[in-house]
C-alpha atoms as a PDB file:
ATOM      1  CA  MET A   1      -9.240  85.018 -27.404  1.00  0.00           C
ATOM      2  CA  LYS A   2      -6.819  87.941 -27.352  1.00  0.00           C
ATOM      3  CA  PHE A   3      -7.238  88.853 -31.039  1.00  0.00           C
ATOM      4  CA  PRO A   4     -10.597  88.770 -32.871  1.00  0.00           C
ATOM      5  CA  LEU A   5     -10.785  87.095 -36.272  1.00  0.00           C
ATOM      6  CA  PHE A   6      -9.705  89.259 -39.223  1.00  0.00           C
ATOM      7  CA  THR A   7      -7.524  91.468 -37.027  1.00  0.00           C
ATOM      8  CA  PRO A   8      -4.365  92.791 -38.724  1.00  0.00           C
ATOM      9  CA  VAL A   9      -1.341  91.603 -36.743  1.00  0.00           C
ATOM     10  CA  THR A  10       2.438  91.897 -36.902  1.00  0.00           C
ATOM     11  CA  LEU A  11       5.049  89.283 -36.006  1.00  0.00           C
ATOM     12  CA  LYS A  12       7.020  90.094 -32.849  1.00  0.00           C
ATOM     13  CA  GLU A  13       9.886  87.793 -33.868  1.00  0.00           C
ATOM     14  CA  ASP A  14      11.371  86.055 -36.902  1.00  0.00           C
ATOM     15  CA  LEU A  15       9.877  82.747 -38.072  1.00  0.00           C
ATOM     16  CA  PRO A  16      12.799  81.374 -40.095  1.00  0.00           C
ATOM     17  CA  GLU A  17      11.007  78.097 -40.853  1.00  0.00           C
ATOM     18  CA  TYR A  18       8.526  80.148 -42.934  1.00  0.00           C
ATOM     19  CA  HIS A  19      11.051  82.759 -44.156  1.00  0.00           C
ATOM     20  CA  LEU A  20       9.120  85.461 -42.265  1.00  0.00           C
ATOM     21  CA  LYS A  21      10.719  88.343 -40.374  1.00  0.00           C
ATOM     22  CA  LYS A  22       9.814  90.357 -37.302  1.00  0.00           C
ATOM     23  CA  GLY A  23       7.482  93.133 -38.462  1.00  0.00           C
ATOM     24  CA  ASP A  24       5.854  91.128 -41.265  1.00  0.00           C
ATOM     25  CA  SER A  25       2.095  91.473 -41.084  1.00  0.00           C
ATOM     26  CA  GLY A  26      -0.962  89.429 -41.909  1.00  0.00           C
ATOM     27  CA  ILE A  27      -4.610  88.889 -40.969  1.00  0.00           C
ATOM     28  CA  ILE A  28      -5.960  86.415 -38.406  1.00  0.00           C
ATOM     29  CA  VAL A  29      -8.232  83.887 -40.122  1.00  0.00           C
ATOM     30  CA  GLU A  30      -8.599  81.182 -37.437  1.00  0.00           C
ATOM     31  CA  TYR A  31      -8.315  80.838 -33.677  1.00  0.00           C
ATOM     32  CA  TYR A  32      -7.167  77.702 -31.810  1.00  0.00           C
ATOM     33  CA  PRO A  33      -8.032  77.781 -28.102  1.00  0.00           C
ATOM     34  CA  MET A  34      -5.807  75.542 -26.002  1.00  0.00           C
ATOM     35  CA  PRO A  35      -6.266  73.995 -22.545  1.00  0.00           C
ATOM     36  CA  ASP A  36      -5.062  75.903 -19.481  1.00  0.00           C
ATOM     37  CA  GLY A  37      -1.275  76.096 -19.335  1.00  0.00           C
ATOM     38  CA  GLN A  38      -0.865  76.014 -23.137  1.00  0.00           C
ATOM     39  CA  GLU A  39      -0.626  78.964 -25.483  1.00  0.00           C
ATOM     40  CA  ASP A  40      -3.562  79.734 -27.788  1.00  0.00           C
ATOM     41  CA  GLY A  41      -2.755  79.828 -31.488  1.00  0.00           C
ATOM     42  CA  TYR A  42      -3.894  81.562 -34.661  1.00  0.00           C
ATOM     43  CA  SER A  43      -3.771  80.984 -38.404  1.00  0.00           C
ATOM     44  CA  ILE A  44      -2.430  84.042 -40.184  1.00  0.00           C
ATOM     45  CA  GLU A  45      -2.719  84.836 -43.912  1.00  0.00           C
ATOM     46  CA  GLY A  46      -1.704  87.743 -46.089  1.00  0.00           C
ATOM     47  CA  PHE A  47       2.068  87.609 -45.875  1.00  0.00           C
ATOM     48  CA  ASP A  48       3.883  88.194 -49.181  1.00  0.00           C
ATOM     49  CA  SER A  49       1.797  85.469 -50.806  1.00  0.00           C
ATOM     50  CA  PRO A  50      -1.964  84.992 -50.396  1.00  0.00           C
ATOM     51  CA  GLN A  51      -1.442  81.216 -50.617  1.00  0.00           C
ATOM     52  CA  ILE A  52       0.550  81.101 -47.362  1.00  0.00           C
ATOM     53  CA  THR A  53      -1.212  80.295 -44.088  1.00  0.00           C
ATOM     54  CA  VAL A  54       0.952  80.112 -40.963  1.00  0.00           C
ATOM     55  CA  GLU A  55       0.006  78.858 -37.502  1.00  0.00           C
ATOM     56  CA  VAL A  56       1.467  81.141 -34.822  1.00  0.00           C
ATOM     57  CA  GLY A  57       1.326  81.225 -31.017  1.00  0.00           C
ATOM     58  CA  GLU A  58      -0.348  84.217 -29.399  1.00  0.00           C
ATOM     59  CA  SER A  59       2.906  85.453 -27.813  1.00  0.00           C
ATOM     60  CA  LYS A  60       4.484  85.951 -31.246  1.00  0.00           C
ATOM     61  CA  LEU A  61       1.821  88.430 -32.406  1.00  0.00           C
ATOM     62  CA  GLU A  62       0.873  92.022 -31.751  1.00  0.00           C
ATOM     63  CA  THR A  63      -1.899  94.203 -33.141  1.00  0.00           C
ATOM     64  CA  ASN A  64      -0.914  96.025 -36.279  1.00  0.00           C
ATOM     65  CA  SER A  65      -2.232  99.501 -35.515  1.00  0.00           C
ATOM     66  CA  GLN A  66      -1.100 100.866 -38.885  1.00  0.00           C
ATOM     67  CA  THR A  67      -3.406  98.605 -40.887  1.00  0.00           C
ATOM     68  CA  LYS A  68      -7.133  98.803 -40.406  1.00  0.00           C
ATOM     69  CA  PRO A  69      -9.407  96.014 -41.641  1.00  0.00           C
ATOM     70  CA  SER A  70     -11.633  96.990 -44.539  1.00  0.00           C
ATOM     71  CA  PRO A  71     -15.177  97.769 -43.496  1.00  0.00           C
ATOM     72  CA  PRO A  72     -17.789  95.288 -44.663  1.00  0.00           C
ATOM     73  CA  PRO A  73     -19.531  96.219 -47.911  1.00  0.00           C
ATOM     74  CA  THR A  74     -22.715  98.246 -47.609  1.00  0.00           C
ATOM     75  CA  PRO A  75     -25.741  96.018 -48.197  1.00  0.00           C
ATOM     76  CA  GLN A  76     -27.689  96.911 -51.321  1.00  0.00           C
ATOM     77  CA  VAL A  77     -31.420  96.485 -51.736  1.00  0.00           C
ATOM     78  CA  LEU A  78     -32.389  95.135 -55.118  1.00  0.00           C
ATOM     79  CA  ASN A  79     -35.663  96.270 -56.667  1.00  0.00           C
ATOM     80  CA  GLN A  80     -37.990  93.405 -57.411  1.00  0.00           C
END
């Protein structure tokens, strides 16, 4: 797996079938390993609409260094 889950990524090329452009960014939410000789894939969310999930080949993505994932919330201890 080249990109860990929940990594911010940017498209390296247009995806006209989804009306997405090179430079659009989203978050990896699923990884699809493929057999040798085939390209691994990812499900990406977070484009202009939170309801859109797009499956994209690894070669069409790059790490989005300008967007950092939010840190997980700090656990809170509840008094009992």
